[in-house]
All heavy atoms as atom14 arrays in JSON, in Angstrom:
{
  "sequence": "KACIVGLWFGAFQALMPALGFLLGSRFEKNIIAIDHWIAFAVLGIIG",
  "atom14_mask": [
    [1, 1, 1, 1, 1, 1, 1, 1, 1, 0, 0, 0, 0, 0],
    [1, 1, 1, 1, 1, 0, 0, 0, 0, 0, 0, 0, 0, 0],
    [1, 1, 1, 1, 1, 1, 0, 0, 0, 0, 0, 0, 0, 0],
    [1, 1, 1, 1, 1, 1, 1, 1, 0, 0, 0, 0, 0, 0],
    [1, 1, 1, 1, 1, 1, 1, 0, 0, 0, 0, 0, 0, 0],
    [1, 1, 1, 1, 0, 0, 0, 0, 0, 0, 0, 0, 0, 0],
    [1, 1, 1, 1, 1, 1, 1, 1, 0, 0, 0, 0, 0, 0],
    [1, 1, 1, 1, 1, 1, 1, 1, 1, 1, 1, 1, 1, 1],
    [1, 1, 1, 1, 1, 1, 1, 1, 1, 1, 1, 0, 0, 0],
    [1, 1, 1, 1, 0, 0, 0, 0, 0, 0, 0, 0, 0, 0],
    [1, 1, 1, 1, 1, 0, 0, 0, 0, 0, 0, 0, 0, 0],
    [1, 1, 1, 1, 1, 1, 1, 1, 1, 1, 1, 0, 0, 0],
    [1, 1, 1, 1, 1, 1, 1, 1, 1, 0, 0, 0, 0, 0],
    [1, 1, 1, 1, 1, 0, 0, 0, 0, 0, 0, 0, 0, 0],
    [1, 1, 1, 1, 1, 1, 1, 1, 0, 0, 0, 0, 0, 0],
    [1, 1, 1, 1, 1, 1, 1, 1, 0, 0, 0, 0, 0, 0],
    [1, 1, 1, 1, 1, 1, 1, 0, 0, 0, 0, 0, 0, 0],
    [1, 1, 1, 1, 1, 0, 0, 0, 0, 0, 0, 0, 0, 0],
    [1, 1, 1, 1, 1, 1, 1, 1, 0, 0, 0, 0, 0, 0],
    [1, 1, 1, 1, 0, 0, 0, 0, 0, 0, 0, 0, 0, 0],
    [1, 1, 1, 1, 1, 1, 1, 1, 1, 1, 1, 0, 0, 0],
    [1, 1, 1, 1, 1, 1, 1, 1, 0, 0, 0, 0, 0, 0],
    [1, 1, 1, 1, 1, 1, 1, 1, 0, 0, 0, 0, 0, 0],
    [1, 1, 1, 1, 0, 0, 0, 0, 0, 0, 0, 0, 0, 0],
    [1, 1, 1, 1, 1, 1, 0, 0, 0, 0, 0, 0, 0, 0],
    [1, 1, 1, 1, 1, 1, 1, 1, 1, 1, 1, 0, 0, 0],
    [1, 1, 1, 1, 1, 1, 1, 1, 1, 1, 1, 0, 0, 0],
    [1, 1, 1, 1, 1, 1, 1, 1, 1, 0, 0, 0, 0, 0],
    [1, 1, 1, 1, 1, 1, 1, 1, 1, 0, 0, 0, 0, 0],
    [1, 1, 1, 1, 1, 1, 1, 1, 0, 0, 0, 0, 0, 0],
    [1, 1, 1, 1, 1, 1, 1, 1, 0, 0, 0, 0, 0, 0],
    [1, 1, 1, 1, 1, 1, 1, 1, 0, 0, 0, 0, 0, 0],
    [1, 1, 1, 1, 1, 0, 0, 0, 0, 0, 0, 0, 0, 0],
    [1, 1, 1, 1, 1, 1, 1, 1, 0, 0, 0, 0, 0, 0],
    [1, 1, 1, 1, 1, 1, 1, 1, 0, 0, 0, 0, 0, 0],
    [1, 1, 1, 1, 1, 1, 1, 1, 1, 1, 0, 0, 0, 0],
    [1, 1, 1, 1, 1, 1, 1, 1, 1, 1, 1, 1, 1, 1],
    [1, 1, 1, 1, 1, 1, 1, 1, 0, 0, 0, 0, 0, 0],
    [1, 1, 1, 1, 1, 0, 0, 0, 0, 0, 0, 0, 0, 0],
    [1, 1, 1, 1, 1, 1, 1, 1, 1, 1, 1, 0, 0, 0],
    [1, 1, 1, 1, 1, 0, 0, 0, 0, 0, 0, 0, 0, 0],
    [1, 1, 1, 1, 1, 1, 1, 0, 0, 0, 0, 0, 0, 0],
    [1, 1, 1, 1, 1, 1, 1, 1, 0, 0, 0, 0, 0, 0],
    [1, 1, 1, 1, 0, 0, 0, 0, 0, 0, 0, 0, 0, 0],
    [1, 1, 1, 1, 1, 1, 1, 1, 0, 0, 0, 0, 0, 0],
    [1, 1, 1, 1, 1, 1, 1, 1, 0, 0, 0, 0, 0, 0],
    [1, 1, 1, 1, 0, 0, 0, 0, 0, 0, 0, 0, 0, 0]
  ],
  "atom14_positions": [
    [[-96.37, 60.95, 9.74], [-95.5, 59.92, 10.31], [-94.23, 59.74, 9.47], [-93.13, 59.62, 10.01], [-96.25, 58.59, 10.43], [-97.3, 58.57, 11.51], [-98.0, 57.23, 11.55], [-99.07, 57.2, 12.63], [-99.78, 55.9, 12.67], [0.0, 0.0, 0.0], [0.0, 0.0, 0.0], [0.0, 0.0, 0.0], [0.0, 0.0, 0.0], [0.0, 0.0, 0.0]],
    [[-94.4, 59.74, 8.16], [-93.24, 59.59, 7.27], [-92.29, 60.77, 7.44], [-91.06, 60.6, 7.47], [-93.69, 59.46, 5.82], [0.0, 0.0, 0.0], [0.0, 0.0, 0.0], [0.0, 0.0, 0.0], [0.0, 0.0, 0.0], [0.0, 0.0, 0.0], [0.0, 0.0, 0.0], [0.0, 0.0, 0.0], [0.0, 0.0, 0.0], [0.0, 0.0, 0.0]],
    [[-92.84, 61.98, 7.59], [-92.0, 63.17, 7.76], [-91.31, 63.18, 9.12], [-90.16, 63.63, 9.22], [-92.83, 64.44, 7.57], [-93.22, 64.76, 5.85], [0.0, 0.0, 0.0], [0.0, 0.0, 0.0], [0.0, 0.0, 0.0], [0.0, 0.0, 0.0], [0.0, 0.0, 0.0], [0.0, 0.0, 0.0], [0.0, 0.0, 0.0], [0.0, 0.0, 0.0]],
    [[-91.96, 62.69, 10.15], [-91.33, 62.61, 11.48], [-90.1, 61.71, 11.4], [-89.01, 62.08, 11.87], [-92.32, 62.11, 12.54], [-93.36, 63.19, 12.85], [-91.59, 61.67, 13.82], [-94.52, 62.71, 13.72], [0.0, 0.0, 0.0], [0.0, 0.0, 0.0], [0.0, 0.0, 0.0], [0.0, 0.0, 0.0], [0.0, 0.0, 0.0], [0.0, 0.0, 0.0]],
    [[-90.25, 60.55, 10.81], [-89.12, 59.63, 10.67], [-88.03, 60.28, 9.81], [-86.85, 60.27, 10.17], [-89.59, 58.28, 10.06], [-88.4, 57.39, 9.73], [-90.54, 57.57, 11.01], [0.0, 0.0, 0.0], [0.0, 0.0, 0.0], [0.0, 0.0, 0.0], [0.0, 0.0, 0.0], [0.0, 0.0, 0.0], [0.0, 0.0, 0.0], [0.0, 0.0, 0.0]],
    [[-88.42, 60.88, 8.69], [-87.47, 61.53, 7.81], [-86.71, 62.67, 8.49], [-85.5, 62.82, 8.3], [0.0, 0.0, 0.0], [0.0, 0.0, 0.0], [0.0, 0.0, 0.0], [0.0, 0.0, 0.0], [0.0, 0.0, 0.0], [0.0, 0.0, 0.0], [0.0, 0.0, 0.0], [0.0, 0.0, 0.0], [0.0, 0.0, 0.0], [0.0, 0.0, 0.0]],
    [[-87.43, 63.47, 9.29], [-86.77, 64.58, 9.98], [-85.75, 64.1, 11.01], [-84.65, 64.65, 11.11], [-87.81, 65.47, 10.65], [-88.54, 66.45, 9.72], [-89.69, 67.14, 10.45], [-87.57, 67.48, 9.18], [0.0, 0.0, 0.0], [0.0, 0.0, 0.0], [0.0, 0.0, 0.0], [0.0, 0.0, 0.0], [0.0, 0.0, 0.0], [0.0, 0.0, 0.0]],
    [[-86.12, 63.1, 11.78], [-85.17, 62.58, 12.77], [-83.9, 62.08, 12.09], [-82.78, 62.47, 12.44], [-85.79, 61.44, 13.59], [-86.57, 61.9, 14.77], [-87.92, 62.01, 14.88], [-86.04, 62.32, 16.04], [-88.26, 62.47, 16.12], [-87.13, 62.67, 16.86], [-84.75, 62.44, 16.56], [-86.97, 63.12, 18.17], [-84.58, 62.88, 17.86], [-85.69, 63.22, 18.65]],
    [[-84.08, 61.22, 11.1], [-82.91, 60.63, 10.45], [-82.15, 61.65, 9.62], [-80.92, 61.68, 9.64], [-83.31, 59.42, 9.61], [-83.79, 58.24, 10.43], [-84.77, 57.4, 9.96], [-83.26, 57.98, 11.68], [-85.21, 56.32, 10.7], [-83.68, 56.9, 12.44], [-84.66, 56.06, 11.94], [0.0, 0.0, 0.0], [0.0, 0.0, 0.0], [0.0, 0.0, 0.0]],
    [[-82.85, 62.49, 8.89], [-82.19, 63.5, 8.07], [-81.4, 64.49, 8.89], [-80.27, 64.85, 8.55], [0.0, 0.0, 0.0], [0.0, 0.0, 0.0], [0.0, 0.0, 0.0], [0.0, 0.0, 0.0], [0.0, 0.0, 0.0], [0.0, 0.0, 0.0], [0.0, 0.0, 0.0], [0.0, 0.0, 0.0], [0.0, 0.0, 0.0], [0.0, 0.0, 0.0]],
    [[-81.98, 64.93, 10.01], [-81.3, 65.9, 10.87], [-80.02, 65.31, 11.47], [-78.97, 65.96, 11.48], [-82.24, 66.37, 11.97], [0.0, 0.0, 0.0], [0.0, 0.0, 0.0], [0.0, 0.0, 0.0], [0.0, 0.0, 0.0], [0.0, 0.0, 0.0], [0.0, 0.0, 0.0], [0.0, 0.0, 0.0], [0.0, 0.0, 0.0], [0.0, 0.0, 0.0]],
    [[-80.11, 64.09, 11.95], [-78.92, 63.48, 12.56], [-77.88, 63.11, 11.52], [-76.68, 63.22, 11.78], [-79.3, 62.28, 13.43], [-79.64, 62.67, 14.84], [-80.9, 63.18, 15.14], [-78.71, 62.58, 15.85], [-81.22, 63.58, 16.43], [-79.01, 62.97, 17.14], [-80.28, 63.48, 17.44], [0.0, 0.0, 0.0], [0.0, 0.0, 0.0], [0.0, 0.0, 0.0]],
    [[-78.32, 62.69, 10.34], [-77.35, 62.39, 9.28], [-76.64, 63.66, 8.82], [-75.53, 63.59, 8.3], [-78.02, 61.7, 8.09], [-78.39, 60.27, 8.32], [-77.22, 59.3, 8.35], [-76.06, 59.68, 8.32], [-77.53, 58.03, 8.42], [0.0, 0.0, 0.0], [0.0, 0.0, 0.0], [0.0, 0.0, 0.0], [0.0, 0.0, 0.0], [0.0, 0.0, 0.0]],
    [[-77.26, 64.82, 8.98], [-76.6, 66.09, 8.64], [-75.74, 66.59, 9.8], [-74.64, 67.12, 9.58], [-77.65, 67.14, 8.27], [0.0, 0.0, 0.0], [0.0, 0.0, 0.0], [0.0, 0.0, 0.0], [0.0, 0.0, 0.0], [0.0, 0.0, 0.0], [0.0, 0.0, 0.0], [0.0, 0.0, 0.0], [0.0, 0.0, 0.0], [0.0, 0.0, 0.0]],
    [[-76.21, 66.41, 11.01], [-75.49, 66.89, 12.19], [-74.19, 66.14, 12.42], [-73.15, 66.74, 12.69], [-76.39, 66.77, 13.44], [-75.74, 67.1, 14.78], [-75.4, 68.58, 14.85], [-76.66, 66.7, 15.93], [0.0, 0.0, 0.0], [0.0, 0.0, 0.0], [0.0, 0.0, 0.0], [0.0, 0.0, 0.0], [0.0, 0.0, 0.0], [0.0, 0.0, 0.0]],
    [[-74.21, 64.84, 12.3], [-73.04, 64.03, 12.63], [-71.82, 64.31, 11.74], [-70.71, 64.45, 12.25], [-73.39, 62.55, 12.62], [-74.34, 62.18, 13.74], [-73.69, 62.56, 15.37], [-73.77, 60.96, 16.09], [0.0, 0.0, 0.0], [0.0, 0.0, 0.0], [0.0, 0.0, 0.0], [0.0, 0.0, 0.0], [0.0, 0.0, 0.0], [0.0, 0.0, 0.0]],
    [[-71.97, 64.43, 10.42], [-70.77, 64.76, 9.64], [-70.26, 66.17, 9.94], [-69.06, 66.42, 9.84], [-71.19, 64.62, 8.18], [-72.63, 64.38, 8.17], [-73.09, 64.11, 9.56], [0.0, 0.0, 0.0], [0.0, 0.0, 0.0], [0.0, 0.0, 0.0], [0.0, 0.0, 0.0], [0.0, 0.0, 0.0], [0.0, 0.0, 0.0], [0.0, 0.0, 0.0]],
    [[-71.17, 67.07, 10.31], [-70.72, 68.42, 10.69], [-69.85, 68.34, 11.94], [-68.79, 68.97, 12.01], [-71.92, 69.32, 10.92], [0.0, 0.0, 0.0], [0.0, 0.0, 0.0], [0.0, 0.0, 0.0], [0.0, 0.0, 0.0], [0.0, 0.0, 0.0], [0.0, 0.0, 0.0], [0.0, 0.0, 0.0], [0.0, 0.0, 0.0], [0.0, 0.0, 0.0]],
    [[-70.27, 67.53, 12.92], [-69.46, 67.35, 14.13], [-68.13, 66.66, 13.79], [-67.07, 67.05, 14.29], [-70.23, 66.52, 15.16], [-71.45, 67.18, 15.78], [-72.19, 66.21, 16.7], [-71.06, 68.44, 16.54], [0.0, 0.0, 0.0], [0.0, 0.0, 0.0], [0.0, 0.0, 0.0], [0.0, 0.0, 0.0], [0.0, 0.0, 0.0], [0.0, 0.0, 0.0]],
    [[-68.19, 65.65, 12.94], [-66.97, 64.96, 12.51], [-66.03, 65.9, 11.78], [-64.81, 65.84, 11.96], [0.0, 0.0, 0.0], [0.0, 0.0, 0.0], [0.0, 0.0, 0.0], [0.0, 0.0, 0.0], [0.0, 0.0, 0.0], [0.0, 0.0, 0.0], [0.0, 0.0, 0.0], [0.0, 0.0, 0.0], [0.0, 0.0, 0.0], [0.0, 0.0, 0.0]],
    [[-66.58, 66.79, 10.98], [-65.78, 67.77, 10.25], [-65.05, 68.68, 11.23], [-63.86, 68.97, 11.06], [-66.68, 68.59, 9.32], [-65.96, 69.6, 8.5], [-65.38, 69.23, 7.29], [-65.85, 70.92, 8.9], [-64.72, 70.16, 6.51], [-65.19, 71.86, 8.13], [-64.61, 71.47, 6.93], [0.0, 0.0, 0.0], [0.0, 0.0, 0.0], [0.0, 0.0, 0.0]],
    [[-65.75, 69.13, 12.27], [-65.13, 70.0, 13.26], [-63.98, 69.28, 13.97], [-62.92, 69.86, 14.19], [-66.16, 70.49, 14.27], [-67.22, 71.45, 13.72], [-68.28, 71.75, 14.79], [-66.58, 72.74, 13.23], [0.0, 0.0, 0.0], [0.0, 0.0, 0.0], [0.0, 0.0, 0.0], [0.0, 0.0, 0.0], [0.0, 0.0, 0.0], [0.0, 0.0, 0.0]],
    [[-64.2, 68.02, 14.31], [-63.14, 67.23, 14.96], [-61.96, 67.02, 13.99], [-60.8, 67.21, 14.37], [-63.67, 65.87, 15.39], [-64.62, 65.84, 16.57], [-65.23, 64.46, 16.74], [-63.9, 66.26, 17.84], [0.0, 0.0, 0.0], [0.0, 0.0, 0.0], [0.0, 0.0, 0.0], [0.0, 0.0, 0.0], [0.0, 0.0, 0.0], [0.0, 0.0, 0.0]],
    [[-62.28, 66.64, 12.77], [-61.23, 66.38, 11.78], [-60.43, 67.62, 11.43], [-59.22, 67.54, 11.17], [0.0, 0.0, 0.0], [0.0, 0.0, 0.0], [0.0, 0.0, 0.0], [0.0, 0.0, 0.0], [0.0, 0.0, 0.0], [0.0, 0.0, 0.0], [0.0, 0.0, 0.0], [0.0, 0.0, 0.0], [0.0, 0.0, 0.0], [0.0, 0.0, 0.0]],
    [[-61.08, 68.78, 11.43], [-60.39, 70.03, 11.1], [-59.28, 70.33, 12.1], [-58.27, 70.93, 11.75], [-61.38, 71.19, 11.08], [-62.3, 71.02, 10.04], [0.0, 0.0, 0.0], [0.0, 0.0, 0.0], [0.0, 0.0, 0.0], [0.0, 0.0, 0.0], [0.0, 0.0, 0.0], [0.0, 0.0, 0.0], [0.0, 0.0, 0.0], [0.0, 0.0, 0.0]],
    [[-59.46, 69.9, 13.33], [-58.45, 70.15, 14.36], [-57.17, 69.33, 14.09], [-56.09, 69.71, 14.5], [-58.98, 69.81, 15.74], [-60.1, 70.73, 16.19], [-60.59, 70.3, 17.53], [-60.73, 71.2, 18.62], [-60.05, 72.27, 18.98], [-59.07, 72.69, 18.26], [-60.33, 72.96, 20.05], [0.0, 0.0, 0.0], [0.0, 0.0, 0.0], [0.0, 0.0, 0.0]],
    [[-57.31, 68.19, 13.43], [-56.18, 67.3, 13.22], [-55.67, 67.29, 11.78], [-54.71, 66.6, 11.47], [-56.56, 65.86, 13.6], [-57.04, 65.75, 15.01], [-58.39, 65.52, 15.27], [-56.17, 65.89, 16.06], [-58.84, 65.42, 16.57], [-56.62, 65.79, 17.37], [-57.96, 65.55, 17.62], [0.0, 0.0, 0.0], [0.0, 0.0, 0.0], [0.0, 0.0, 0.0]],
    [[-56.29, 68.07, 10.92], [-55.99, 68.03, 9.49], [-54.51, 68.24, 9.18], [-53.92, 67.5, 8.4], [-56.83, 69.08, 8.76], [-56.53, 69.18, 7.29], [-57.19, 70.37, 6.66], [-57.95, 71.09, 7.33], [-56.92, 70.6, 5.48], [0.0, 0.0, 0.0], [0.0, 0.0, 0.0], [0.0, 0.0, 0.0], [0.0, 0.0, 0.0], [0.0, 0.0, 0.0]],
    [[-53.89, 69.22, 9.79], [-52.5, 69.55, 9.48], [-51.55, 68.41, 9.84], [-50.52, 68.24, 9.2], [-52.1, 70.83, 10.2], [-52.79, 72.06, 9.62], [-52.48, 73.3, 10.44], [-53.18, 74.51, 9.93], [-54.61, 74.51, 10.08], [0.0, 0.0, 0.0], [0.0, 0.0, 0.0], [0.0, 0.0, 0.0], [0.0, 0.0, 0.0], [0.0, 0.0, 0.0]],
    [[-51.91, 67.63, 10.84], [-51.05, 66.53, 11.27], [-51.2, 65.28, 10.4], [-50.34, 64.41, 10.42], [-51.37, 66.15, 12.73], [-51.18, 67.31, 13.67], [-50.4, 68.22, 13.41], [-51.9, 67.3, 14.77], [0.0, 0.0, 0.0], [0.0, 0.0, 0.0], [0.0, 0.0, 0.0], [0.0, 0.0, 0.0], [0.0, 0.0, 0.0], [0.0, 0.0, 0.0]],
    [[-52.31, 65.19, 9.67], [-52.64, 63.94, 9.0], [-52.74, 64.08, 7.48], [-53.03, 63.13, 6.78], [-53.96, 63.38, 9.58], [-53.81, 63.21, 11.08], [-54.34, 62.07, 8.97], [-55.06, 62.76, 11.78], [0.0, 0.0, 0.0], [0.0, 0.0, 0.0], [0.0, 0.0, 0.0], [0.0, 0.0, 0.0], [0.0, 0.0, 0.0], [0.0, 0.0, 0.0]],
    [[-52.48, 65.24, 6.96], [-52.72, 65.51, 5.53], [-52.0, 64.53, 4.61], [-52.5, 64.2, 3.54], [-52.39, 66.97, 5.17], [-53.02, 67.35, 3.84], [-50.92, 67.24, 5.13], [-53.9, 68.53, 3.94], [0.0, 0.0, 0.0], [0.0, 0.0, 0.0], [0.0, 0.0, 0.0], [0.0, 0.0, 0.0], [0.0, 0.0, 0.0], [0.0, 0.0, 0.0]],
    [[-50.84, 64.02, 5.01], [-50.08, 63.11, 4.15], [-50.77, 61.75, 3.98], [-50.53, 61.06, 2.99], [-48.67, 62.91, 4.7], [0.0, 0.0, 0.0], [0.0, 0.0, 0.0], [0.0, 0.0, 0.0], [0.0, 0.0, 0.0], [0.0, 0.0, 0.0], [0.0, 0.0, 0.0], [0.0, 0.0, 0.0], [0.0, 0.0, 0.0], [0.0, 0.0, 0.0]],
    [[-51.6, 61.37, 4.93], [-52.25, 60.05, 4.86], [-53.78, 60.17, 4.83], [-54.47, 59.18, 5.03], [-51.81, 59.15, 6.03], [-52.14, 59.79, 7.38], [-50.35, 58.78, 5.91], [-51.99, 58.85, 8.55], [0.0, 0.0, 0.0], [0.0, 0.0, 0.0], [0.0, 0.0, 0.0], [0.0, 0.0, 0.0], [0.0, 0.0, 0.0], [0.0, 0.0, 0.0]],
    [[-54.3, 61.37, 4.57], [-55.75, 61.57, 4.64], [-56.53, 60.66, 3.7], [-57.59, 60.16, 4.04], [-56.12, 63.04, 4.38], [-55.71, 63.53, 3.01], [-55.01, 62.81, 2.28], [-56.11, 64.66, 2.68], [0.0, 0.0, 0.0], [0.0, 0.0, 0.0], [0.0, 0.0, 0.0], [0.0, 0.0, 0.0], [0.0, 0.0, 0.0], [0.0, 0.0, 0.0]],
    [[-55.99, 60.39, 2.51], [-56.68, 59.53, 1.55], [-56.74, 58.09, 2.05], [-57.73, 57.4, 1.81], [-56.01, 59.62, 0.17], [-54.54, 59.41, 0.19], [-53.67, 60.4, 0.62], [-53.79, 58.35, -0.16], [-52.43, 59.94, 0.53], [-52.48, 58.71, 0.06], [0.0, 0.0, 0.0], [0.0, 0.0, 0.0], [0.0, 0.0, 0.0], [0.0, 0.0, 0.0]],
    [[-55.72, 57.66, 2.77], [-55.75, 56.31, 3.35], [-56.79, 56.24, 4.47], [-57.47, 55.22, 4.63], [-54.37, 55.93, 3.88], [-53.4, 55.61, 2.79], [-52.41, 56.41, 2.33], [-53.36, 54.42, 2.0], [-51.74, 55.79, 1.3], [-52.3, 54.57, 1.08], [-54.11, 53.25, 1.99], [-51.99, 53.58, 0.15], [-53.79, 52.27, 1.06], [-52.74, 52.44, 0.16]],
    [[-56.9, 57.31, 5.25], [-57.89, 57.35, 6.33], [-59.3, 57.31, 5.73], [-60.16, 56.55, 6.19], [-57.7, 58.59, 7.22], [-56.38, 58.48, 7.99], [-58.87, 58.76, 8.18], [-55.96, 59.74, 8.72], [0.0, 0.0, 0.0], [0.0, 0.0, 0.0], [0.0, 0.0, 0.0], [0.0, 0.0, 0.0], [0.0, 0.0, 0.0], [0.0, 0.0, 0.0]],
    [[-59.54, 58.13, 4.69], [-60.86, 58.14, 4.04], [-61.17, 56.75, 3.48], [-62.29, 56.24, 3.66], [-60.89, 59.18, 2.93], [0.0, 0.0, 0.0], [0.0, 0.0, 0.0], [0.0, 0.0, 0.0], [0.0, 0.0, 0.0], [0.0, 0.0, 0.0], [0.0, 0.0, 0.0], [0.0, 0.0, 0.0], [0.0, 0.0, 0.0], [0.0, 0.0, 0.0]],
    [[-60.19, 56.13, 2.83], [-60.37, 54.79, 2.28], [-60.72, 53.79, 3.39], [-61.65, 53.0, 3.26], [-59.09, 54.36, 1.55], [-59.05, 52.92, 1.15], [-59.84, 52.44, 0.12], [-58.21, 52.03, 1.81], [-59.8, 51.1, -0.25], [-58.16, 50.7, 1.44], [-58.96, 50.23, 0.41], [0.0, 0.0, 0.0], [0.0, 0.0, 0.0], [0.0, 0.0, 0.0]],
    [[-59.98, 53.83, 4.49], [-60.2, 52.89, 5.59], [-61.56, 53.12, 6.26], [-62.3, 52.15, 6.5], [-59.08, 53.02, 6.62], [0.0, 0.0, 0.0], [0.0, 0.0, 0.0], [0.0, 0.0, 0.0], [0.0, 0.0, 0.0], [0.0, 0.0, 0.0], [0.0, 0.0, 0.0], [0.0, 0.0, 0.0], [0.0, 0.0, 0.0], [0.0, 0.0, 0.0]],
    [[-61.89, 54.37, 6.54], [-63.17, 54.66, 7.22], [-64.35, 54.25, 6.34], [-65.26, 53.54, 6.8], [-63.26, 56.16, 7.6], [-64.66, 56.54, 8.03], [-62.28, 56.48, 8.72], [0.0, 0.0, 0.0], [0.0, 0.0, 0.0], [0.0, 0.0, 0.0], [0.0, 0.0, 0.0], [0.0, 0.0, 0.0], [0.0, 0.0, 0.0], [0.0, 0.0, 0.0]],
    [[-64.34, 54.66, 5.09], [-65.45, 54.3, 4.19], [-65.5, 52.79, 3.96], [-66.58, 52.2, 3.91], [-65.34, 55.06, 2.88], [-65.57, 56.57, 2.97], [-65.25, 57.24, 1.64], [-66.99, 56.89, 3.4], [0.0, 0.0, 0.0], [0.0, 0.0, 0.0], [0.0, 0.0, 0.0], [0.0, 0.0, 0.0], [0.0, 0.0, 0.0], [0.0, 0.0, 0.0]],
    [[-64.33, 52.17, 3.86], [-64.29, 50.73, 3.68], [-64.83, 49.97, 4.88], [-65.61, 49.01, 4.74], [0.0, 0.0, 0.0], [0.0, 0.0, 0.0], [0.0, 0.0, 0.0], [0.0, 0.0, 0.0], [0.0, 0.0, 0.0], [0.0, 0.0, 0.0], [0.0, 0.0, 0.0], [0.0, 0.0, 0.0], [0.0, 0.0, 0.0], [0.0, 0.0, 0.0]],
    [[-64.45, 50.39, 6.07], [-64.93, 49.72, 7.29], [-66.43, 49.9, 7.46], [-67.16, 48.95, 7.76], [-64.16, 50.24, 8.53], [-62.71, 49.74, 8.49], [-64.84, 49.83, 9.83], [-61.78, 50.42, 9.49], [0.0, 0.0, 0.0], [0.0, 0.0, 0.0], [0.0, 0.0, 0.0], [0.0, 0.0, 0.0], [0.0, 0.0, 0.0], [0.0, 0.0, 0.0]],
    [[-66.91, 51.12, 7.24], [-68.35, 51.38, 7.36], [-69.1, 50.57, 6.31], [-70.12, 49.94, 6.6], [-68.65, 52.89, 7.23], [-68.08, 53.65, 8.43], [-70.16, 53.12, 7.13], [-68.08, 55.16, 8.24], [0.0, 0.0, 0.0], [0.0, 0.0, 0.0], [0.0, 0.0, 0.0], [0.0, 0.0, 0.0], [0.0, 0.0, 0.0], [0.0, 0.0, 0.0]],
    [[-68.61, 50.59, 5.09], [-69.26, 49.83, 4.02], [-69.27, 48.34, 4.3], [-70.29, 47.67, 4.11], [0.0, 0.0, 0.0], [0.0, 0.0, 0.0], [0.0, 0.0, 0.0], [0.0, 0.0, 0.0], [0.0, 0.0, 0.0], [0.0, 0.0, 0.0], [0.0, 0.0, 0.0], [0.0, 0.0, 0.0], [0.0, 0.0, 0.0], [0.0, 0.0, 0.0]]
  ]
}
């Protein structure tokens, strides 16, 4: 039971940043000048 819960959450926590990375890679060249502000804002809002 513990492994079932761990697998579900672990798999999705790994999958979602990979998808986000693919999306972000498409826009990287347009946003590179403010990328640190975006990272700060996203992590700050989530936190």
